Amino acid sequence: MVARLRAAESRLDGGDQGQALEELADLIVTIMEQYVAGRVGALLPPASLAEFQPVRDRELLRLGATVTLIAGSAVAVSLLGISDMAAGVTVAAVGVLALLVMFGRQWHRYLPVAEFLKPGP
C-alpha cells in the first residue's frame, strides 16, 4: 500500500499534475472508506497492489543507528581530552548530522532522541 501511495505521489512532480492529484485523492478516499468500514487489513483492493512490492519499515533500525552514532561520538570525544564545551558542540553536531543522514527532511521529528543521551540526575 505504501509503495502504491509513493508511486502516485511521485507523479505529482511530473507532467500532468491534475491527473496525478486526482489519482492520489482517489487512493486516499478509498483508504478512508475502507478504514471507516473496519477493513483495516485491506485498505486498498489487492488488484491495485499487484505490481508493487511491499515497503519495509526500517525506522527502528535507522533510529538505533543514530543513537549508536551519537553515543559513539560521545565516547570518542571523551577519549580525545578536549574541553567540555568543544566536546558538547562536537557531539551535538554529530547527532544532527546523523539525523540528517538517516532521516532526511524528517530529521527534526527525531530531535527528542537527544533527551535520552543527556547526562544528569
N, C-alpha and C. Protein backbone atom coordinates (compact mmCIF):
# COMPACT_ATOMS: atom_id res chain seq x y z
N MET A 1 0.82 -1.18 0.00
CA MET A 1 0.00 0.00 0.00
C MET A 1 0.88 1.26 0.00
N VAL A 2 1.93 1.25 0.80
CA VAL A 2 2.82 2.41 0.86
C VAL A 2 3.49 2.64 -0.48
N ALA A 3 3.91 1.55 -1.13
CA ALA A 3 4.55 1.68 -2.44
C ALA A 3 3.58 2.28 -3.46
N ARG A 4 2.33 1.89 -3.39
CA ARG A 4 1.31 2.42 -4.30
C ARG A 4 1.11 3.92 -4.07
N LEU A 5 1.04 4.32 -2.81
CA LEU A 5 0.89 5.74 -2.50
C LEU A 5 2.11 6.55 -2.92
N ARG A 6 3.30 6.00 -2.70
CA ARG A 6 4.52 6.70 -3.11
C ARG A 6 4.58 6.87 -4.62
N ALA A 7 4.16 5.85 -5.35
CA ALA A 7 4.16 5.94 -6.81
C ALA A 7 3.21 7.03 -7.27
N ALA A 8 2.03 7.08 -6.68
CA ALA A 8 1.06 8.13 -7.04
C ALA A 8 1.58 9.51 -6.67
N GLU A 9 2.21 9.59 -5.52
CA GLU A 9 2.75 10.88 -5.08
C GLU A 9 3.89 11.35 -5.97
N SER A 10 4.71 10.42 -6.44
CA SER A 10 5.85 10.81 -7.28
C SER A 10 5.39 11.39 -8.62
N ARG A 11 4.19 11.02 -9.06
CA ARG A 11 3.67 11.56 -10.31
C ARG A 11 3.26 13.04 -10.19
N LEU A 12 3.17 13.54 -8.97
CA LEU A 12 2.83 14.96 -8.79
C LEU A 12 3.91 15.88 -9.34
N ASP A 13 5.15 15.39 -9.37
CA ASP A 13 6.26 16.20 -9.88
C ASP A 13 6.40 16.10 -11.39
N GLY A 14 5.59 15.26 -12.03
CA GLY A 14 5.68 15.05 -13.48
C GLY A 14 4.85 16.03 -14.27
N GLY A 15 4.45 15.58 -15.45
CA GLY A 15 3.76 16.45 -16.39
C GLY A 15 2.34 16.80 -16.02
N ASP A 16 1.47 15.81 -15.92
CA ASP A 16 0.04 16.06 -15.69
C ASP A 16 -0.26 16.00 -14.20
N GLN A 17 -0.08 17.12 -13.54
CA GLN A 17 -0.26 17.17 -12.09
C GLN A 17 -1.72 17.02 -11.69
N GLY A 18 -2.64 17.49 -12.52
CA GLY A 18 -4.06 17.38 -12.21
C GLY A 18 -4.50 15.93 -12.13
N GLN A 19 -4.10 15.13 -13.09
CA GLN A 19 -4.45 13.71 -13.09
C GLN A 19 -3.77 12.98 -11.93
N ALA A 20 -2.51 13.33 -11.65
CA ALA A 20 -1.80 12.71 -10.54
C ALA A 20 -2.46 13.04 -9.21
N LEU A 21 -2.89 14.27 -9.05
CA LEU A 21 -3.56 14.69 -7.82
C LEU A 21 -4.90 13.98 -7.67
N GLU A 22 -5.60 13.81 -8.77
CA GLU A 22 -6.88 13.09 -8.74
C GLU A 22 -6.67 11.62 -8.35
N GLU A 23 -5.64 11.00 -8.90
CA GLU A 23 -5.34 9.60 -8.55
C GLU A 23 -5.00 9.47 -7.07
N LEU A 24 -4.17 10.38 -6.57
CA LEU A 24 -3.79 10.34 -5.16
C LEU A 24 -5.00 10.58 -4.27
N ALA A 25 -5.85 11.50 -4.64
CA ALA A 25 -7.06 11.76 -3.86
C ALA A 25 -7.98 10.55 -3.85
N ASP A 26 -8.11 9.87 -4.99
CA ASP A 26 -8.92 8.65 -5.06
C ASP A 26 -8.38 7.57 -4.13
N LEU A 27 -7.07 7.41 -4.12
CA LEU A 27 -6.45 6.42 -3.24
C LEU A 27 -6.72 6.75 -1.77
N ILE A 28 -6.59 8.00 -1.42
CA ILE A 28 -6.80 8.41 -0.03
C ILE A 28 -8.25 8.22 0.38
N VAL A 29 -9.17 8.56 -0.51
CA VAL A 29 -10.60 8.36 -0.21
C VAL A 29 -10.91 6.88 -0.05
N THR A 30 -10.34 6.04 -0.92
CA THR A 30 -10.56 4.59 -0.81
C THR A 30 -10.03 4.06 0.52
N ILE A 31 -8.84 4.50 0.90
CA ILE A 31 -8.27 4.08 2.18
C ILE A 31 -9.17 4.51 3.33
N MET A 32 -9.63 5.75 3.28
CA MET A 32 -10.50 6.26 4.34
C MET A 32 -11.80 5.45 4.43
N GLU A 33 -12.41 5.17 3.29
CA GLU A 33 -13.66 4.40 3.29
C GLU A 33 -13.47 3.00 3.86
N GLN A 34 -12.38 2.35 3.46
CA GLN A 34 -12.10 1.01 3.96
C GLN A 34 -11.84 1.03 5.47
N TYR A 35 -11.14 2.04 5.93
CA TYR A 35 -10.83 2.16 7.35
C TYR A 35 -12.11 2.37 8.16
N VAL A 36 -12.96 3.26 7.69
CA VAL A 36 -14.22 3.54 8.39
C VAL A 36 -15.10 2.30 8.41
N ALA A 37 -15.04 1.49 7.35
CA ALA A 37 -15.84 0.27 7.27
C ALA A 37 -15.24 -0.86 8.12
N GLY A 38 -14.07 -0.62 8.72
CA GLY A 38 -13.46 -1.62 9.58
C GLY A 38 -12.57 -2.62 8.86
N ARG A 39 -12.28 -2.39 7.60
CA ARG A 39 -11.42 -3.29 6.84
C ARG A 39 -9.99 -2.77 6.85
N VAL A 40 -9.39 -2.77 8.01
CA VAL A 40 -8.05 -2.20 8.19
C VAL A 40 -6.99 -3.07 7.51
N GLY A 41 -7.23 -4.36 7.40
CA GLY A 41 -6.27 -5.25 6.76
C GLY A 41 -6.27 -5.15 5.25
N ALA A 42 -7.26 -4.52 4.65
CA ALA A 42 -7.36 -4.40 3.19
C ALA A 42 -7.80 -2.99 2.83
N LEU A 43 -6.92 -2.03 3.04
CA LEU A 43 -7.28 -0.64 2.80
C LEU A 43 -7.37 -0.29 1.31
N LEU A 44 -6.64 -1.03 0.49
CA LEU A 44 -6.72 -0.86 -0.95
C LEU A 44 -7.03 -2.22 -1.57
N PRO A 45 -7.74 -2.25 -2.69
CA PRO A 45 -8.04 -3.53 -3.34
C PRO A 45 -6.75 -4.25 -3.76
N PRO A 46 -6.68 -5.56 -3.56
CA PRO A 46 -5.47 -6.31 -3.93
C PRO A 46 -5.08 -6.15 -5.40
N ALA A 47 -6.04 -5.97 -6.27
CA ALA A 47 -5.73 -5.81 -7.70
C ALA A 47 -4.91 -4.56 -7.97
N SER A 48 -5.13 -3.50 -7.20
CA SER A 48 -4.37 -2.26 -7.42
C SER A 48 -2.96 -2.34 -6.84
N LEU A 49 -2.68 -3.37 -6.06
CA LEU A 49 -1.36 -3.52 -5.43
C LEU A 49 -0.51 -4.60 -6.09
N ALA A 50 -1.04 -5.26 -7.13
CA ALA A 50 -0.37 -6.43 -7.71
C ALA A 50 1.03 -6.13 -8.23
N GLU A 51 1.24 -4.98 -8.83
CA GLU A 51 2.53 -4.68 -9.45
C GLU A 51 3.54 -4.04 -8.50
N PHE A 52 3.17 -3.83 -7.26
CA PHE A 52 4.04 -3.15 -6.31
C PHE A 52 4.60 -4.11 -5.27
N GLN A 53 5.85 -3.90 -4.90
CA GLN A 53 6.50 -4.68 -3.85
C GLN A 53 6.26 -3.99 -2.51
N PRO A 54 6.07 -4.75 -1.44
CA PRO A 54 5.87 -4.14 -0.12
C PRO A 54 7.11 -3.31 0.30
N VAL A 55 6.84 -2.24 1.01
CA VAL A 55 7.91 -1.37 1.51
C VAL A 55 8.21 -1.75 2.96
N ARG A 56 9.48 -2.00 3.24
CA ARG A 56 9.87 -2.36 4.60
C ARG A 56 10.01 -1.10 5.45
N ASP A 57 9.60 -1.21 6.70
CA ASP A 57 9.72 -0.10 7.64
C ASP A 57 11.02 -0.28 8.41
N ARG A 58 11.99 0.55 8.11
CA ARG A 58 13.30 0.44 8.75
C ARG A 58 13.55 1.60 9.72
N GLU A 59 12.49 2.21 10.18
CA GLU A 59 12.64 3.36 11.07
C GLU A 59 13.37 2.99 12.36
N LEU A 60 13.02 1.87 12.96
CA LEU A 60 13.66 1.46 14.21
C LEU A 60 15.14 1.19 14.01
N LEU A 61 15.50 0.59 12.89
CA LEU A 61 16.91 0.34 12.58
C LEU A 61 17.68 1.65 12.40
N ARG A 62 17.08 2.60 11.69
CA ARG A 62 17.74 3.90 11.49
C ARG A 62 17.86 4.66 12.81
N LEU A 63 16.84 4.55 13.65
CA LEU A 63 16.88 5.21 14.95
C LEU A 63 17.98 4.60 15.82
N GLY A 64 18.10 3.28 15.82
CA GLY A 64 19.16 2.61 16.57
C GLY A 64 20.54 3.01 16.08
N ALA A 65 20.70 3.10 14.77
CA ALA A 65 21.99 3.52 14.21
C ALA A 65 22.32 4.96 14.62
N THR A 66 21.32 5.82 14.65
CA THR A 66 21.53 7.21 15.05
C THR A 66 21.97 7.29 16.50
N VAL A 67 21.29 6.57 17.38
CA VAL A 67 21.66 6.58 18.80
C VAL A 67 23.06 6.02 18.98
N THR A 68 23.41 4.97 18.24
CA THR A 68 24.75 4.38 18.33
C THR A 68 25.81 5.38 17.87
N LEU A 69 25.53 6.10 16.79
CA LEU A 69 26.49 7.11 16.31
C LEU A 69 26.68 8.23 17.33
N ILE A 70 25.60 8.67 17.93
CA ILE A 70 25.71 9.75 18.92
C ILE A 70 26.48 9.28 20.15
N ALA A 71 26.15 8.10 20.63
CA ALA A 71 26.86 7.56 21.81
C ALA A 71 28.32 7.29 21.48
N GLY A 72 28.57 6.76 20.29
CA GLY A 72 29.95 6.52 19.88
C GLY A 72 30.75 7.79 19.75
N SER A 73 30.12 8.85 19.26
CA SER A 73 30.84 10.12 19.16
C SER A 73 31.13 10.70 20.54
N ALA A 74 30.22 10.48 21.49
CA ALA A 74 30.47 10.95 22.86
C ALA A 74 31.67 10.22 23.47
N VAL A 75 31.76 8.93 23.24
CA VAL A 75 32.90 8.16 23.76
C VAL A 75 34.18 8.61 23.07
N ALA A 76 34.15 8.77 21.76
CA ALA A 76 35.35 9.19 21.02
C ALA A 76 35.82 10.58 21.46
N VAL A 77 34.89 11.49 21.67
CA VAL A 77 35.25 12.84 22.09
C VAL A 77 35.85 12.81 23.50
N SER A 78 35.31 11.96 24.37
CA SER A 78 35.86 11.90 25.72
C SER A 78 37.29 11.35 25.72
N LEU A 79 37.61 10.50 24.78
CA LEU A 79 38.96 9.96 24.68
C LEU A 79 39.95 10.98 24.11
N LEU A 80 39.46 11.97 23.40
CA LEU A 80 40.34 12.99 22.82
C LEU A 80 40.83 13.98 23.85
N GLY A 81 40.12 14.12 24.95
CA GLY A 81 40.56 15.01 26.01
C GLY A 81 40.39 16.48 25.70
N ILE A 82 39.40 16.85 24.92
CA ILE A 82 39.18 18.26 24.62
C ILE A 82 38.25 18.86 25.68
N SER A 83 38.10 20.17 25.65
CA SER A 83 37.30 20.85 26.67
C SER A 83 35.83 20.41 26.59
N ASP A 84 35.13 20.62 27.70
CA ASP A 84 33.73 20.19 27.78
C ASP A 84 32.86 20.92 26.76
N MET A 85 33.11 22.20 26.55
CA MET A 85 32.32 22.98 25.59
C MET A 85 32.52 22.43 24.18
N ALA A 86 33.76 22.21 23.79
CA ALA A 86 34.03 21.68 22.45
C ALA A 86 33.47 20.27 22.30
N ALA A 87 33.54 19.48 23.36
CA ALA A 87 33.02 18.12 23.31
C ALA A 87 31.50 18.14 23.11
N GLY A 88 30.81 19.01 23.83
CA GLY A 88 29.36 19.12 23.69
C GLY A 88 28.95 19.54 22.30
N VAL A 89 29.66 20.52 21.75
CA VAL A 89 29.34 21.00 20.40
C VAL A 89 29.61 19.90 19.38
N THR A 90 30.68 19.18 19.55
CA THR A 90 31.02 18.11 18.61
C THR A 90 29.99 16.99 18.63
N VAL A 91 29.58 16.57 19.81
CA VAL A 91 28.58 15.50 19.92
C VAL A 91 27.24 15.97 19.35
N ALA A 92 26.87 17.22 19.62
CA ALA A 92 25.63 17.75 19.07
C ALA A 92 25.69 17.81 17.54
N ALA A 93 26.81 18.23 17.01
CA ALA A 93 26.97 18.29 15.55
C ALA A 93 26.89 16.90 14.92
N VAL A 94 27.53 15.93 15.55
CA VAL A 94 27.45 14.55 15.05
C VAL A 94 26.01 14.05 15.13
N GLY A 95 25.31 14.40 16.20
CA GLY A 95 23.92 13.98 16.35
C GLY A 95 23.03 14.53 15.26
N VAL A 96 23.15 15.83 14.99
CA VAL A 96 22.33 16.45 13.94
C VAL A 96 22.70 15.88 12.58
N LEU A 97 23.99 15.69 12.33
CA LEU A 97 24.43 15.11 11.06
C LEU A 97 23.89 13.69 10.89
N ALA A 98 23.94 12.90 11.96
CA ALA A 98 23.41 11.53 11.90
C ALA A 98 21.91 11.55 11.62
N LEU A 99 21.17 12.44 12.25
CA LEU A 99 19.74 12.55 12.00
C LEU A 99 19.46 12.95 10.55
N LEU A 100 20.24 13.88 10.03
CA LEU A 100 20.07 14.31 8.64
C LEU A 100 20.33 13.16 7.67
N VAL A 101 21.39 12.41 7.92
CA VAL A 101 21.73 11.30 7.03
C VAL A 101 20.68 10.20 7.10
N MET A 102 20.24 9.87 8.31
CA MET A 102 19.32 8.74 8.49
C MET A 102 17.88 9.07 8.10
N PHE A 103 17.44 10.31 8.34
CA PHE A 103 16.01 10.61 8.17
C PHE A 103 15.72 11.70 7.14
N GLY A 104 16.72 12.29 6.56
CA GLY A 104 16.49 13.29 5.52
C GLY A 104 15.69 14.48 6.02
N ARG A 105 14.66 14.85 5.27
CA ARG A 105 13.86 16.03 5.61
C ARG A 105 13.11 15.90 6.93
N GLN A 106 12.91 14.69 7.40
CA GLN A 106 12.16 14.47 8.63
C GLN A 106 13.06 14.44 9.87
N TRP A 107 14.28 14.90 9.76
CA TRP A 107 15.24 14.79 10.85
C TRP A 107 14.76 15.48 12.12
N HIS A 108 14.06 16.59 12.01
CA HIS A 108 13.65 17.35 13.20
C HIS A 108 12.64 16.59 14.05
N ARG A 109 11.92 15.63 13.47
CA ARG A 109 10.96 14.84 14.24
C ARG A 109 11.65 13.97 15.29
N TYR A 110 12.94 13.70 15.10
CA TYR A 110 13.65 12.79 15.96
C TYR A 110 14.60 13.50 16.93
N LEU A 111 14.51 14.81 17.04
CA LEU A 111 15.34 15.54 17.99
C LEU A 111 15.12 15.09 19.44
N PRO A 112 13.92 14.66 19.83
CA PRO A 112 13.76 14.18 21.21
C PRO A 112 14.64 12.97 21.56
N VAL A 113 15.24 12.33 20.57
CA VAL A 113 16.17 11.22 20.84
C VAL A 113 17.32 11.73 21.70
N ALA A 114 17.70 12.97 21.51
CA ALA A 114 18.81 13.54 22.28
C ALA A 114 18.51 13.60 23.78
N GLU A 115 17.25 13.64 24.14
CA GLU A 115 16.88 13.67 25.57
C GLU A 115 17.35 12.42 26.30
N PHE A 116 17.41 11.29 25.60
CA PHE A 116 17.85 10.05 26.23
C PHE A 116 19.35 10.05 26.52
N LEU A 117 20.08 10.88 25.83
CA LEU A 117 21.55 10.87 25.94
C LEU A 117 22.09 11.97 26.85
N LYS A 118 21.22 12.79 27.43
CA LYS A 118 21.69 13.87 28.29
C LYS A 118 22.10 13.33 29.65
N PRO A 119 23.24 13.77 30.13
CA PRO A 119 23.63 13.34 31.48
C PRO A 119 22.82 14.11 32.54
N GLY A 120 22.76 13.57 33.67
CA GLY A 120 22.07 14.28 34.75
C GLY A 120 21.39 13.33 35.71
N PRO A 121 20.81 13.91 36.75
CA PRO A 121 20.18 13.07 37.77
C PRO A 121 18.87 12.46 37.33
